[in-house]
Amino acid sequence: MRRPFFRSCPWRSAREIARAGFLVEFWAWQDRGLEAIAADRSIQISAFPGYVGGSMVHPAGLAAFLEGVRKSLAFAEKVGCCQLFLSTGEISSEGKIDHPIAAHPATRWITAYKALSQLAELAEKAGVVYVLEPLNTKVDHAGYPLPRAEDVVRLIEQVGSRRIRLLLDIYHVQIEEGNVTQVIRDCKDFIGYVHVADVPGRHEPGTGEINYPRIVEALREIKYEGIVGLEAFPESDDHLAMSRFREVFG
């Protein structure tokens, strides 16, 4: 397992994280010092959002969603990034679902299937992988249409492409459904990326209730070899958070 340290940050902070020996992932890639990041060979970007605007769960938002996907692909090529995050559409900085969602469940699912099928074709041509994330609705993202890991897995099964995978966020799983190690086992054939943070507080592992050593064991049991990213708010200090993260994930 490889370890990026999450920080939604401009170039200077990204370089500091890279100097500490971590890959860098970030959100909201627009206006984030794109040219400097692309030019700095010391910074290895593990992933960033693969969409800008629109919605994959409402027919009226699908065209805009796919247009944003193409813009993100161009940036991915520029910075040499081959993994891209997905949610069903834009989410505000406060966690509010800020994109249209079709009223009928069948319409949501069919539209998401169409979107992901087209993304699979784009991903194959570009040599990238998209990872779709379920988000909890109980604390952070009320109304999000894919709250459980199984929701994403069922979509991935129907699309049938290795270029569309599950982003398993341990923080969200713990809040939304619990029984995290069983979810890891159930989703083992679909996980393409892992995010970690503790509950409550969304701080680094070791600050809350989740048994992260057991999570590490579960990931090793399923032979997960991908990236584990710290998507968390450091409890007190960035460097302490990185140290705690490294202690757990080695």
Protein backbone atom coordinates (compact mmCIF):
# COMPACT_ATOMS: atom_id res chain seq x y z
CA MET A 1 0.00 0.00 0.00
CA ARG A 2 1.28 3.46 -0.91
CA ARG A 3 0.50 6.48 1.23
CA PRO A 4 -0.41 9.95 -0.01
CA PHE A 5 -1.10 12.70 2.52
CA PHE A 6 -4.23 14.57 1.62
CA ARG A 7 -4.21 18.34 1.50
CA SER A 8 -6.42 20.58 -0.60
CA CYS A 9 -3.57 22.93 -1.19
CA PRO A 10 -1.63 25.20 -3.50
CA TRP A 11 1.81 24.32 -4.82
CA ARG A 12 3.88 25.35 -1.79
CA SER A 13 2.01 23.03 0.61
CA ALA A 14 2.07 20.24 -1.97
CA ARG A 15 5.85 20.51 -2.16
CA GLU A 16 6.17 20.32 1.63
CA ILE A 17 4.11 17.13 1.68
CA ALA A 18 6.22 15.64 -1.11
CA ARG A 19 9.40 16.48 0.84
CA ALA A 20 8.01 14.47 3.77
CA GLY A 21 7.97 11.42 1.52
CA PHE A 22 4.31 11.29 0.55
CA LEU A 23 2.35 11.40 -2.65
CA VAL A 24 -0.05 14.33 -2.92
CA GLU A 25 -3.75 14.34 -3.65
CA PHE A 26 -6.01 17.34 -3.69
CA TRP A 27 -9.49 18.64 -4.46
CA ALA A 28 -10.64 21.60 -6.55
CA TRP A 29 -7.74 21.49 -9.00
CA GLN A 30 -8.77 24.72 -10.71
CA ASP A 31 -6.73 27.76 -9.64
CA ARG A 32 -4.38 25.63 -7.53
CA GLY A 33 -1.07 26.65 -9.03
CA LEU A 34 -1.46 24.27 -11.96
CA GLU A 35 1.62 25.41 -13.86
CA ALA A 36 3.92 25.22 -10.83
CA ILE A 37 2.64 21.77 -9.83
CA ALA A 38 3.06 20.43 -13.35
CA ALA A 39 6.61 21.79 -13.55
CA ASP A 40 7.79 20.55 -10.14
CA ARG A 41 9.08 17.01 -10.63
CA SER A 42 9.44 16.49 -6.88
CA ILE A 43 5.63 16.41 -6.54
CA GLN A 44 3.94 13.15 -7.47
CA ILE A 45 0.16 13.53 -7.62
CA SER A 46 -1.76 10.39 -6.72
CA ALA A 47 -5.26 11.60 -7.58
CA PHE A 48 -7.62 14.56 -7.88
CA PRO A 49 -11.28 15.12 -8.90
CA GLY A 50 -12.10 13.98 -12.40
CA TYR A 51 -15.09 16.23 -12.94
CA VAL A 52 -16.12 19.90 -12.78
CA GLY A 53 -19.81 20.67 -12.34
CA GLY A 54 -22.85 18.93 -13.74
CA SER A 55 -24.48 15.77 -12.39
CA MET A 56 -24.26 12.07 -13.15
CA VAL A 57 -27.63 11.43 -11.45
CA HIS A 58 -29.87 13.83 -13.37
CA PRO A 59 -30.33 13.83 -17.17
CA ALA A 60 -30.27 17.63 -17.27
CA GLY A 61 -26.81 17.69 -15.69
CA LEU A 62 -25.16 14.88 -17.63
CA ALA A 63 -23.76 16.91 -20.54
CA ALA A 64 -22.15 19.42 -18.17
CA PHE A 65 -20.74 16.58 -16.07
CA LEU A 66 -19.08 14.97 -19.10
CA GLU A 67 -17.70 18.32 -20.25
CA GLY A 68 -16.09 18.77 -16.83
CA VAL A 69 -14.67 15.26 -17.10
CA ARG A 70 -12.92 16.18 -20.34
CA LYS A 71 -11.43 19.31 -18.78
CA SER A 72 -10.10 17.28 -15.86
CA LEU A 73 -8.60 14.71 -18.20
CA ALA A 74 -6.59 17.44 -19.89
CA PHE A 75 -5.19 18.51 -16.52
CA ALA A 76 -4.46 14.89 -15.57
CA GLU A 77 -2.36 14.49 -18.69
CA LYS A 78 -0.47 17.68 -17.88
CA VAL A 79 0.49 16.62 -14.35
CA GLY A 80 0.93 12.91 -15.10
CA CYS A 81 -1.91 11.69 -12.88
CA CYS A 82 -3.65 8.41 -13.74
CA GLN A 83 -6.31 8.16 -10.99
CA LEU A 84 -9.30 10.49 -10.75
CA PHE A 85 -11.93 10.84 -8.03
CA LEU A 86 -15.64 10.89 -8.72
CA SER A 87 -18.73 11.80 -6.77
CA THR A 88 -22.16 12.19 -8.35
CA GLY A 89 -21.62 15.94 -8.80
CA GLU A 90 -20.51 19.15 -7.13
CA ILE A 91 -20.44 19.36 -3.32
CA SER A 92 -20.03 22.67 -1.53
CA SER A 93 -17.21 23.40 0.92
CA GLU A 94 -19.79 22.91 3.70
CA GLY A 95 -20.65 19.42 2.43
CA LYS A 96 -23.98 20.39 0.85
CA ILE A 97 -25.03 18.45 -2.23
CA ASP A 98 -24.85 21.16 -4.85
CA HIS A 99 -25.97 19.32 -7.98
CA PRO A 100 -29.34 18.15 -9.34
CA ILE A 101 -30.60 14.68 -8.40
CA ALA A 102 -33.43 13.06 -10.35
CA ALA A 103 -36.56 12.46 -8.33
CA HIS A 104 -37.05 8.84 -9.38
CA PRO A 105 -34.46 6.24 -8.31
CA ALA A 106 -34.59 4.48 -11.69
CA THR A 107 -33.73 7.72 -13.48
CA ARG A 108 -30.80 8.31 -11.13
CA TRP A 109 -29.40 4.83 -11.68
CA ILE A 110 -29.86 4.82 -15.45
CA THR A 111 -28.23 8.25 -15.78
CA ALA A 112 -25.31 7.20 -13.57
CA TYR A 113 -24.87 4.05 -15.64
CA LYS A 114 -24.78 6.08 -18.87
CA ALA A 115 -22.27 8.50 -17.36
CA LEU A 116 -19.95 5.79 -16.07
CA SER A 117 -20.12 3.84 -19.34
CA GLN A 118 -18.95 6.92 -21.23
CA LEU A 119 -16.27 7.57 -18.61
CA ALA A 120 -15.03 4.02 -19.02
CA GLU A 121 -14.47 4.65 -22.73
CA LEU A 122 -12.67 7.94 -22.05
CA ALA A 123 -10.58 6.29 -19.34
CA GLU A 124 -9.53 3.48 -21.67
CA LYS A 125 -8.31 5.97 -24.28
CA ALA A 126 -6.53 8.16 -21.72
CA GLY A 127 -5.06 5.34 -19.62
CA VAL A 128 -6.62 6.52 -16.36
CA VAL A 129 -8.82 4.97 -13.68
CA TYR A 130 -11.87 6.62 -12.12
CA VAL A 131 -12.79 5.85 -8.51
CA LEU A 132 -16.36 6.61 -7.43
CA GLU A 133 -16.95 7.44 -3.77
CA PRO A 134 -19.95 6.69 -1.54
CA LEU A 135 -20.42 9.46 1.06
CA ASN A 136 -22.20 9.36 4.40
CA THR A 137 -25.58 11.07 4.68
CA LYS A 138 -25.85 10.98 8.46
CA VAL A 139 -23.25 13.61 9.37
CA ASP A 140 -21.67 15.29 6.35
CA HIS A 141 -23.63 14.98 3.10
CA ALA A 142 -27.39 14.76 3.59
CA GLY A 143 -29.17 13.64 0.44
CA TYR A 144 -26.16 12.17 -1.34
CA PRO A 145 -27.55 9.50 -3.70
CA LEU A 146 -24.83 6.84 -3.23
CA PRO A 147 -24.35 6.53 0.55
CA ARG A 148 -23.31 2.88 0.79
CA ALA A 149 -20.36 1.03 -0.72
CA GLU A 150 -22.73 -1.54 -2.24
CA ASP A 151 -24.50 1.24 -4.18
CA VAL A 152 -21.27 2.00 -6.02
CA VAL A 153 -20.30 -1.65 -6.44
CA ARG A 154 -23.60 -2.49 -8.15
CA LEU A 155 -23.04 0.31 -10.67
CA ILE A 156 -19.47 -0.80 -11.30
CA GLU A 157 -20.64 -4.37 -11.91
CA GLN A 158 -23.07 -3.22 -14.59
CA VAL A 159 -20.53 -0.97 -16.33
CA GLY A 160 -18.08 -3.87 -16.42
CA SER A 161 -14.84 -1.92 -16.80
CA ARG A 162 -11.64 -2.18 -14.78
CA ARG A 163 -11.29 1.56 -15.38
CA ILE A 164 -14.19 2.30 -13.00
CA ARG A 165 -13.49 1.34 -9.38
CA LEU A 166 -14.65 2.04 -5.82
CA LEU A 167 -13.11 4.74 -3.67
CA LEU A 168 -13.60 3.25 -0.19
CA ASP A 169 -13.47 5.96 2.46
CA ILE A 170 -13.23 4.32 5.89
CA TYR A 171 -14.55 7.45 7.63
CA HIS A 172 -17.73 7.49 5.53
CA VAL A 173 -18.26 3.73 5.85
CA GLN A 174 -17.97 3.84 9.64
CA ILE A 175 -20.58 6.58 9.91
CA GLU A 176 -23.03 5.35 7.28
CA GLU A 177 -22.96 1.59 7.79
CA GLY A 178 -20.35 0.44 10.33
CA ASN A 179 -18.87 -3.07 10.23
CA VAL A 180 -15.99 -1.70 8.18
CA THR A 181 -13.90 -4.85 7.92
CA GLN A 182 -16.86 -6.77 6.47
CA VAL A 183 -17.45 -4.01 3.94
CA ILE A 184 -13.78 -4.29 2.93
CA ARG A 185 -14.19 -8.04 2.41
CA ASP A 186 -17.45 -7.64 0.48
CA CYS A 187 -15.95 -5.03 -1.85
CA LYS A 188 -12.51 -6.57 -2.26
CA ASP A 189 -12.80 -7.08 -6.01
CA PHE A 190 -13.80 -3.47 -6.67
CA ILE A 191 -11.65 -1.27 -4.42
CA GLY A 192 -9.37 1.03 -6.38
CA TYR A 193 -8.43 3.61 -3.75
CA VAL A 194 -8.79 3.99 0.02
CA HIS A 195 -9.27 7.10 2.14
CA VAL A 196 -8.83 7.19 5.91
CA ALA A 197 -9.79 9.46 8.79
CA ASP A 198 -11.02 8.70 12.28
CA VAL A 199 -14.47 9.11 13.83
CA PRO A 200 -15.52 11.47 15.31
CA GLY A 201 -13.74 14.62 14.21
CA ARG A 202 -12.34 13.36 10.91
CA HIS A 203 -8.79 13.57 12.26
CA GLU A 204 -5.90 11.21 11.53
CA PRO A 205 -6.07 7.50 12.53
CA GLY A 206 -5.54 6.93 16.25
CA THR A 207 -7.58 9.93 17.38
CA GLY A 208 -11.03 8.31 17.46
CA GLU A 209 -13.01 5.10 17.69
CA ILE A 210 -11.90 3.18 14.58
CA ASN A 211 -9.55 0.26 15.14
CA TYR A 212 -7.12 1.15 12.38
CA PRO A 213 -4.63 -1.68 13.01
CA ARG A 214 -7.54 -4.03 12.28
CA ILE A 215 -8.36 -2.06 9.13
CA VAL A 216 -4.77 -2.53 7.97
CA GLU A 217 -5.07 -6.29 8.61
CA ALA A 218 -8.29 -6.44 6.60
CA LEU A 219 -6.72 -4.64 3.65
CA ARG A 220 -3.77 -7.01 3.75
CA GLU A 221 -6.11 -10.01 3.95
CA ILE A 222 -7.76 -9.02 0.67
CA LYS A 223 -4.30 -8.30 -0.80
CA TYR A 224 -5.06 -4.65 -1.47
CA GLU A 225 -2.01 -3.09 -3.12
CA GLY A 226 -3.32 0.35 -4.03
CA ILE A 227 -3.04 3.76 -2.44
CA VAL A 228 -4.23 4.68 1.04
CA GLY A 229 -4.76 8.42 1.38
CA LEU A 230 -5.12 10.47 4.54
CA GLU A 231 -8.17 12.63 3.88
CA ALA A 232 -8.39 14.22 7.29
CA PHE A 233 -8.20 17.40 9.31
CA PRO A 234 -5.04 17.11 11.45
CA GLU A 235 -6.01 17.13 15.11
CA SER A 236 -3.28 19.59 16.01
CA ASP A 237 -0.31 19.62 13.64
CA ASP A 238 0.25 18.52 10.04
CA HIS A 239 3.56 16.84 10.76
CA LEU A 240 2.17 14.99 13.77
CA ALA A 241 -0.75 13.79 11.63
CA MET A 242 1.68 12.50 9.00
CA SER A 243 3.70 10.74 11.67
CA ARG A 244 0.62 9.05 13.14
CA PHE A 245 -0.53 8.03 9.68
CA ARG A 246 2.86 6.50 8.91
CA GLU A 247 2.85 4.59 12.21
CA VAL A 248 -0.41 2.88 11.32
CA PHE A 249 0.15 2.20 7.62
CA GLY A 250 3.91 1.69 7.67
